[in-house]
Amino acid sequence: MSLFLVMLTCGFVALQPLRAQSQADEKCEGSTVDTQGEKTAKAARAFLADLQAAVQGNDKDKIAGMVSYPLNFIHDGKRSRIRDKQNFLGRYDAIFSEHVRATILKQSSQCLFGNYQGEMIGNGEVWFSEMQDGAVKIITVNSSAGK
């Protein structure tokens, strides 16, 4: 029995570097934006870069222009709609809370989740999608996600 445990332990230890190497070669666990096609993935990554630059520069007007109105806004489990840019700017600090802004800035362009509803930042803090006219816009902000 003890020989079996020694062999099992040695085998387990020997496999660890191989496992770590294969994980390092993976782009990102859970990244699915590439399965939506090259055009969608490229547009999603470009949109994320623009959004990150706007958040980094605290460019509220630019961010407001990146939103599809009415915007779905979820805060403390309550859903509301932000009807227009003026309303968005008036509630900017609640919508783009410190948590939401930090999540946007941390998001890796190689680790985007995407499905038929759009692309997701973080744990669902921000959802964005391509509109019928081809523009990519934010469709949902959930300031309660990931907390």
Protein backbone atom coordinates (compact mmCIF):
# COMPACT_ATOMS: atom_id res chain seq x y z
CA MET A 1 0.00 0.00 0.00
CA SER A 2 2.80 2.46 0.89
CA LEU A 3 4.57 1.71 -2.40
CA PHE A 4 1.35 2.60 -4.21
CA LEU A 5 1.16 5.94 -2.34
CA VAL A 6 4.79 6.73 -3.16
CA MET A 7 4.23 5.96 -6.85
CA LEU A 8 1.02 7.97 -6.89
CA THR A 9 2.70 10.94 -5.20
CA CYS A 10 5.72 10.82 -7.54
CA GLY A 11 3.47 10.57 -10.57
CA PHE A 12 1.37 13.48 -9.37
CA VAL A 13 4.43 15.64 -8.73
CA ALA A 14 5.91 14.73 -12.12
CA LEU A 15 2.71 15.78 -13.90
CA GLN A 16 2.46 19.19 -12.23
CA PRO A 17 4.91 21.05 -14.53
CA LEU A 18 3.17 19.65 -17.63
CA ARG A 19 -0.20 20.80 -16.37
CA ALA A 20 1.10 24.27 -15.53
CA GLN A 21 2.70 24.57 -18.95
CA SER A 22 -0.53 23.67 -20.77
CA GLN A 23 -2.48 26.21 -18.68
CA ALA A 24 0.08 28.89 -19.51
CA ASP A 25 -0.41 28.20 -23.21
CA GLU A 26 -4.17 28.77 -22.98
CA LYS A 27 -5.43 32.25 -23.87
CA CYS A 28 -7.98 32.47 -21.11
CA GLU A 29 -10.40 30.16 -19.40
CA GLY A 30 -13.95 31.10 -20.39
CA SER A 31 -13.07 33.37 -23.33
CA THR A 32 -15.67 32.82 -26.02
CA VAL A 33 -15.62 35.98 -28.12
CA ASP A 34 -13.48 34.28 -30.78
CA THR A 35 -16.19 31.66 -31.34
CA GLN A 36 -18.44 34.44 -32.64
CA GLY A 37 -16.24 35.02 -35.67
CA GLU A 38 -13.21 37.11 -36.46
CA LYS A 39 -15.17 40.27 -37.34
CA THR A 40 -17.15 40.25 -34.09
CA ALA A 41 -14.09 39.45 -31.97
CA LYS A 42 -12.07 42.24 -33.61
CA ALA A 43 -14.90 44.77 -33.14
CA ALA A 44 -15.39 43.71 -29.50
CA ARG A 45 -11.70 44.10 -28.71
CA ALA A 46 -11.53 47.50 -30.42
CA PHE A 47 -14.62 48.65 -28.51
CA LEU A 48 -13.12 47.48 -25.22
CA ALA A 49 -9.89 49.40 -25.93
CA ASP A 50 -11.89 52.58 -26.71
CA LEU A 51 -13.99 52.14 -23.58
CA GLN A 52 -10.93 51.56 -21.40
CA ALA A 53 -9.29 54.72 -22.81
CA ALA A 54 -12.47 56.74 -22.14
CA VAL A 55 -12.74 55.40 -18.57
CA GLN A 56 -9.02 56.01 -17.95
CA GLY A 57 -9.44 59.60 -19.16
CA ASN A 58 -12.72 60.06 -17.26
CA ASP A 59 -14.33 61.12 -20.58
CA LYS A 60 -17.98 60.95 -19.56
CA ASP A 61 -19.25 62.43 -22.85
CA LYS A 62 -17.40 59.82 -24.90
CA ILE A 63 -18.71 57.03 -22.69
CA ALA A 64 -22.25 58.43 -22.96
CA GLY A 65 -21.85 58.24 -26.74
CA MET A 66 -20.88 54.58 -26.47
CA VAL A 67 -24.26 53.68 -24.94
CA SER A 68 -27.35 52.33 -26.66
CA TYR A 69 -30.40 54.09 -25.23
CA PRO A 70 -32.44 53.17 -23.39
CA LEU A 71 -29.68 51.57 -21.31
CA ASN A 72 -30.55 48.70 -18.98
CA PHE A 73 -29.18 49.62 -15.56
CA ILE A 74 -29.17 47.21 -12.61
CA HIS A 75 -28.27 48.57 -9.19
CA ASP A 76 -28.79 46.70 -5.91
CA GLY A 77 -30.96 44.18 -7.73
CA LYS A 78 -33.32 46.83 -9.11
CA ARG A 79 -33.69 47.34 -12.85
CA SER A 80 -34.22 50.68 -14.48
CA ARG A 81 -33.82 52.25 -17.89
CA ILE A 82 -31.64 55.22 -18.61
CA ARG A 83 -33.58 56.87 -21.43
CA ASP A 84 -31.05 59.29 -22.93
CA LYS A 85 -27.56 60.79 -22.78
CA GLN A 86 -28.62 63.62 -20.47
CA ASN A 87 -30.08 61.16 -17.95
CA PHE A 88 -26.96 59.01 -18.26
CA LEU A 89 -24.65 61.93 -17.53
CA GLY A 90 -26.80 62.99 -14.57
CA ARG A 91 -26.49 59.51 -13.05
CA TYR A 92 -22.99 58.73 -14.32
CA ASP A 93 -21.39 58.19 -10.89
CA ALA A 94 -24.05 55.65 -9.91
CA ILE A 95 -23.99 53.87 -13.27
CA PHE A 96 -20.22 53.86 -13.77
CA SER A 97 -19.38 53.34 -10.12
CA GLU A 98 -15.82 52.84 -8.92
CA HIS A 99 -16.42 49.07 -9.08
CA VAL A 100 -17.66 49.20 -12.70
CA ARG A 101 -14.81 51.46 -13.82
CA ALA A 102 -12.19 49.24 -12.14
CA THR A 103 -13.71 46.15 -13.74
CA ILE A 104 -13.56 47.77 -17.19
CA LEU A 105 -9.91 48.75 -16.72
CA LYS A 106 -8.95 45.23 -15.54
CA GLN A 107 -10.68 43.42 -18.42
CA SER A 108 -8.28 41.63 -20.75
CA SER A 109 -9.13 41.85 -24.44
CA GLN A 110 -8.09 38.19 -24.76
CA CYS A 111 -10.55 37.08 -22.07
CA LEU A 112 -13.86 38.40 -23.34
CA PHE A 113 -17.00 36.33 -22.91
CA GLY A 114 -19.47 36.54 -25.75
CA ASN A 115 -22.73 34.89 -26.71
CA TYR A 116 -25.89 35.69 -28.68
CA GLN A 117 -26.66 38.56 -26.27
CA GLY A 118 -23.35 40.34 -26.79
CA GLU A 119 -20.00 40.60 -25.04
CA MET A 120 -19.50 40.79 -21.29
CA ILE A 121 -16.96 42.66 -19.19
CA GLY A 122 -16.05 41.20 -15.80
CA ASN A 123 -18.83 39.17 -14.21
CA GLY A 124 -21.58 40.96 -16.08
CA GLU A 125 -20.86 44.51 -14.92
CA VAL A 126 -21.04 45.70 -18.54
CA TRP A 127 -22.61 44.13 -21.62
CA PHE A 128 -22.10 45.52 -25.11
CA SER A 129 -23.23 44.41 -28.53
CA GLU A 130 -23.19 45.27 -32.22
CA MET A 131 -26.24 47.27 -33.25
CA GLN A 132 -28.15 46.89 -36.51
CA ASP A 133 -26.20 49.80 -38.01
CA GLY A 134 -22.89 48.05 -37.23
CA ALA A 135 -21.92 50.29 -34.30
CA VAL A 136 -20.94 48.59 -31.05
CA LYS A 137 -22.70 50.01 -27.98
CA ILE A 138 -23.13 49.33 -24.28
CA ILE A 139 -26.53 47.77 -23.67
CA THR A 140 -26.46 46.92 -19.94
CA VAL A 141 -24.58 48.07 -16.84
CA ASN A 142 -24.97 45.98 -13.69
CA SER A 143 -23.19 47.80 -10.88
CA SER A 144 -24.09 44.99 -8.46
CA ALA A 145 -22.38 42.22 -10.46
CA GLY A 146 -19.21 40.68 -9.16
CA LYS A 147 -19.56 42.05 -5.66
